[in-house]
């Protein structure tokens, strides 16, 4: 998984994506999602580092079947809130 962290005025933004999703575009009839290097490119991380980042995130964007399934298993994402976009999964979290 690839993780980025960015401090924003609203808090910590974390992105997580599968390595093979980076640079890809996923589409449905209504939605197109491009996993850009600019937004999702970061450091390859193990599950412990991903857990640490997501635990501190105010907002997170998660793309890729492995990454989203990991976030579900780790308790950060409710499976009912996951979007299937083309051949991948996408989830967002917001902590108020």
C-alpha atoms as a PDB file:
ATOM      1  CA  UNK A   1       0.000   0.000   0.000  1.00  0.00           C
ATOM      2  CA  UNK A   2       1.107   3.565  -0.668  1.00  0.00           C
ATOM      3  CA  UNK A   3       0.440   6.221   1.984  1.00  0.00           C
ATOM      4  CA  UNK A   4       0.641  10.001   1.950  1.00  0.00           C
ATOM      5  CA  UNK A   5       0.040  12.461   4.762  1.00  0.00           C
ATOM      6  CA  UNK A   6      -0.662  16.138   4.268  1.00  0.00           C
ATOM      7  CA  UNK A   7      -1.440  18.704   6.949  1.00  0.00           C
ATOM      8  CA  UNK A   8      -4.316  20.969   5.925  1.00  0.00           C
ATOM      9  CA  UNK A   9      -6.101  23.792   7.765  1.00  0.00           C
ATOM     10  CA  UNK A  10      -8.849  21.249   8.533  1.00  0.00           C
ATOM     11  CA  UNK A  11      -6.470  18.574   9.887  1.00  0.00           C
ATOM     12  CA  UNK A  12      -4.455  15.626   8.631  1.00  0.00           C
ATOM     13  CA  UNK A  13      -5.370  14.305   5.170  1.00  0.00           C
ATOM     14  CA  UNK A  14      -4.241  10.716   4.575  1.00  0.00           C
ATOM     15  CA  UNK A  15      -4.390   8.865   1.276  1.00  0.00           C
ATOM     16  CA  UNK A  16      -3.915   5.128   0.915  1.00  0.00           C
ATOM     17  CA  UNK A  17      -3.891   3.241  -2.364  1.00  0.00           C
ATOM     18  CA  UNK A  18      -2.874  -0.102  -3.772  1.00  0.00           C
ATOM     19  CA  UNK A  19       0.455   0.068  -5.575  1.00  0.00           C
ATOM     20  CA  UNK A  20      -1.094  -1.266  -8.778  1.00  0.00           C
ATOM     21  CA  UNK A  21      -3.872   1.367  -8.679  1.00  0.00           C
ATOM     22  CA  UNK A  22      -1.483   4.331  -8.894  1.00  0.00           C
ATOM     23  CA  UNK A  23      -1.796   5.993 -12.296  1.00  0.00           C
ATOM     24  CA  UNK A  24      -4.964   4.087 -13.199  1.00  0.00           C
ATOM     25  CA  UNK A  25      -8.440   5.428 -13.992  1.00  0.00           C
ATOM     26  CA  UNK A  26     -11.518   3.553 -12.788  1.00  0.00           C
ATOM     27  CA  UNK A  27     -14.993   4.300 -14.144  1.00  0.00           C
ATOM     28  CA  UNK A  28     -18.664   3.513 -13.789  1.00  0.00           C
ATOM     29  CA  UNK A  29     -21.525   5.095 -15.701  1.00  0.00           C
ATOM     30  CA  UNK A  30     -21.661   7.993 -13.223  1.00  0.00           C
ATOM     31  CA  UNK A  31     -18.185   8.239 -11.704  1.00  0.00           C
ATOM     32  CA  UNK A  32     -14.592   8.433 -12.911  1.00  0.00           C
ATOM     33  CA  UNK A  33     -11.686   8.180 -10.464  1.00  0.00           C
ATOM     34  CA  UNK A  34      -8.085   8.752 -11.536  1.00  0.00           C
ATOM     35  CA  UNK A  35      -5.494   7.708  -8.963  1.00  0.00           C
ATOM     36  CA  UNK A  36      -2.897  10.390  -9.658  1.00  0.00           C
ATOM     37  CA  UNK A  37       0.711  10.472  -8.513  1.00  0.00           C
ATOM     38  CA  UNK A  38       0.145  14.074  -7.360  1.00  0.00           C
ATOM     39  CA  UNK A  39      -2.573  13.116  -4.863  1.00  0.00           C
ATOM     40  CA  UNK A  40      -1.923   9.457  -4.019  1.00  0.00           C
ATOM     41  CA  UNK A  41       1.814   9.097  -4.682  1.00  0.00           C
ATOM     42  CA  UNK A  42       3.808   8.587  -1.513  1.00  0.00           C
ATOM     43  CA  UNK A  43       5.721   5.973   0.419  1.00  0.00           C
ATOM     44  CA  UNK A  44       5.156   2.235   0.279  1.00  0.00           C
ATOM     45  CA  UNK A  45       4.007   1.284   3.775  1.00  0.00           C
ATOM     46  CA  UNK A  46       3.289  -1.855   5.745  1.00  0.00           C
ATOM     47  CA  UNK A  47       0.017  -2.507   7.575  1.00  0.00           C
ATOM     48  CA  UNK A  48       1.331  -1.057  10.842  1.00  0.00           C
ATOM     49  CA  UNK A  49       2.247   2.256   9.196  1.00  0.00           C
ATOM     50  CA  UNK A  50      -1.094   2.403   7.371  1.00  0.00           C
ATOM     51  CA  UNK A  51      -2.924   1.784  10.650  1.00  0.00           C
ATOM     52  CA  UNK A  52      -0.934   4.548  12.361  1.00  0.00           C
ATOM     53  CA  UNK A  53      -1.678   7.045   9.581  1.00  0.00           C
ATOM     54  CA  UNK A  54      -5.396   6.232   9.402  1.00  0.00           C
ATOM     55  CA  UNK A  55      -5.696   6.443  13.201  1.00  0.00           C
ATOM     56  CA  UNK A  56      -4.401  10.030  13.094  1.00  0.00           C
ATOM     57  CA  UNK A  57      -6.318  11.126   9.984  1.00  0.00           C
ATOM     58  CA  UNK A  58      -8.996  13.777  10.062  1.00  0.00           C
ATOM     59  CA  UNK A  59      -9.884  12.897   6.463  1.00  0.00           C
ATOM     60  CA  UNK A  60      -8.783   9.890   4.452  1.00  0.00           C
ATOM     61  CA  UNK A  61      -9.189   8.747   0.860  1.00  0.00           C
ATOM     62  CA  UNK A  62      -8.607   5.051   0.255  1.00  0.00           C
ATOM     63  CA  UNK A  63      -8.454   3.398  -3.182  1.00  0.00           C
ATOM     64  CA  UNK A  64      -7.838  -0.183  -4.203  1.00  0.00           C
ATOM     65  CA  UNK A  65      -9.324  -3.488  -3.194  1.00  0.00           C
ATOM     66  CA  UNK A  66      -6.493  -4.440  -0.828  1.00  0.00           C
ATOM     67  CA  UNK A  67      -6.305  -0.999   0.803  1.00  0.00           C
ATOM     68  CA  UNK A  68     -10.060  -0.669   1.317  1.00  0.00           C
ATOM     69  CA  UNK A  69     -10.429  -4.227   2.602  1.00  0.00           C
ATOM     70  CA  UNK A  70      -7.575  -3.577   5.038  1.00  0.00           C
ATOM     71  CA  UNK A  71      -9.263  -0.366   6.257  1.00  0.00           C
ATOM     72  CA  UNK A  72     -12.488  -2.335   6.813  1.00  0.00           C
ATOM     73  CA  UNK A  73     -10.691  -5.108   8.730  1.00  0.00           C
ATOM     74  CA  UNK A  74      -8.848  -2.520  10.841  1.00  0.00           C
ATOM     75  CA  UNK A  75     -12.140  -0.830  11.770  1.00  0.00           C
ATOM     76  CA  UNK A  76     -11.652   2.484   9.976  1.00  0.00           C
ATOM     77  CA  UNK A  77     -14.289   1.952   7.258  1.00  0.00           C
ATOM     78  CA  UNK A  78     -17.791   0.477   7.382  1.00  0.00           C
ATOM     79  CA  UNK A  79     -18.261  -1.889   4.447  1.00  0.00           C
ATOM     80  CA  UNK A  80     -21.684  -0.328   3.768  1.00  0.00           C
ATOM     81  CA  UNK A  81     -19.936   2.952   2.888  1.00  0.00           C
ATOM     82  CA  UNK A  82     -17.610   1.513   0.237  1.00  0.00           C
ATOM     83  CA  UNK A  83     -18.052   2.411  -3.428  1.00  0.00           C
ATOM     84  CA  UNK A  84     -17.252   0.005  -6.221  1.00  0.00           C
ATOM     85  CA  UNK A  85     -15.819   2.009  -9.110  1.00  0.00           C
ATOM     86  CA  UNK A  86     -14.989  -0.113 -12.114  1.00  0.00           C
ATOM     87  CA  UNK A  87     -12.696  -2.891 -10.969  1.00  0.00           C
ATOM     88  CA  UNK A  88     -11.668  -1.284  -7.675  1.00  0.00           C
ATOM     89  CA  UNK A  89     -13.022  -0.089  -4.338  1.00  0.00           C
ATOM     90  CA  UNK A  90     -13.020   3.433  -2.888  1.00  0.00           C
ATOM     91  CA  UNK A  91     -13.756   4.736   0.595  1.00  0.00           C
ATOM     92  CA  UNK A  92     -13.455   8.016   2.445  1.00  0.00           C
ATOM     93  CA  UNK A  93     -13.420   8.761   6.138  1.00  0.00           C
ATOM     94  CA  UNK A  94     -14.067  11.982   8.019  1.00  0.00           C
ATOM     95  CA  UNK A  95     -13.473  12.424  11.725  1.00  0.00           C
ATOM     96  CA  UNK A  96     -15.237  15.388  13.301  1.00  0.00           C
END
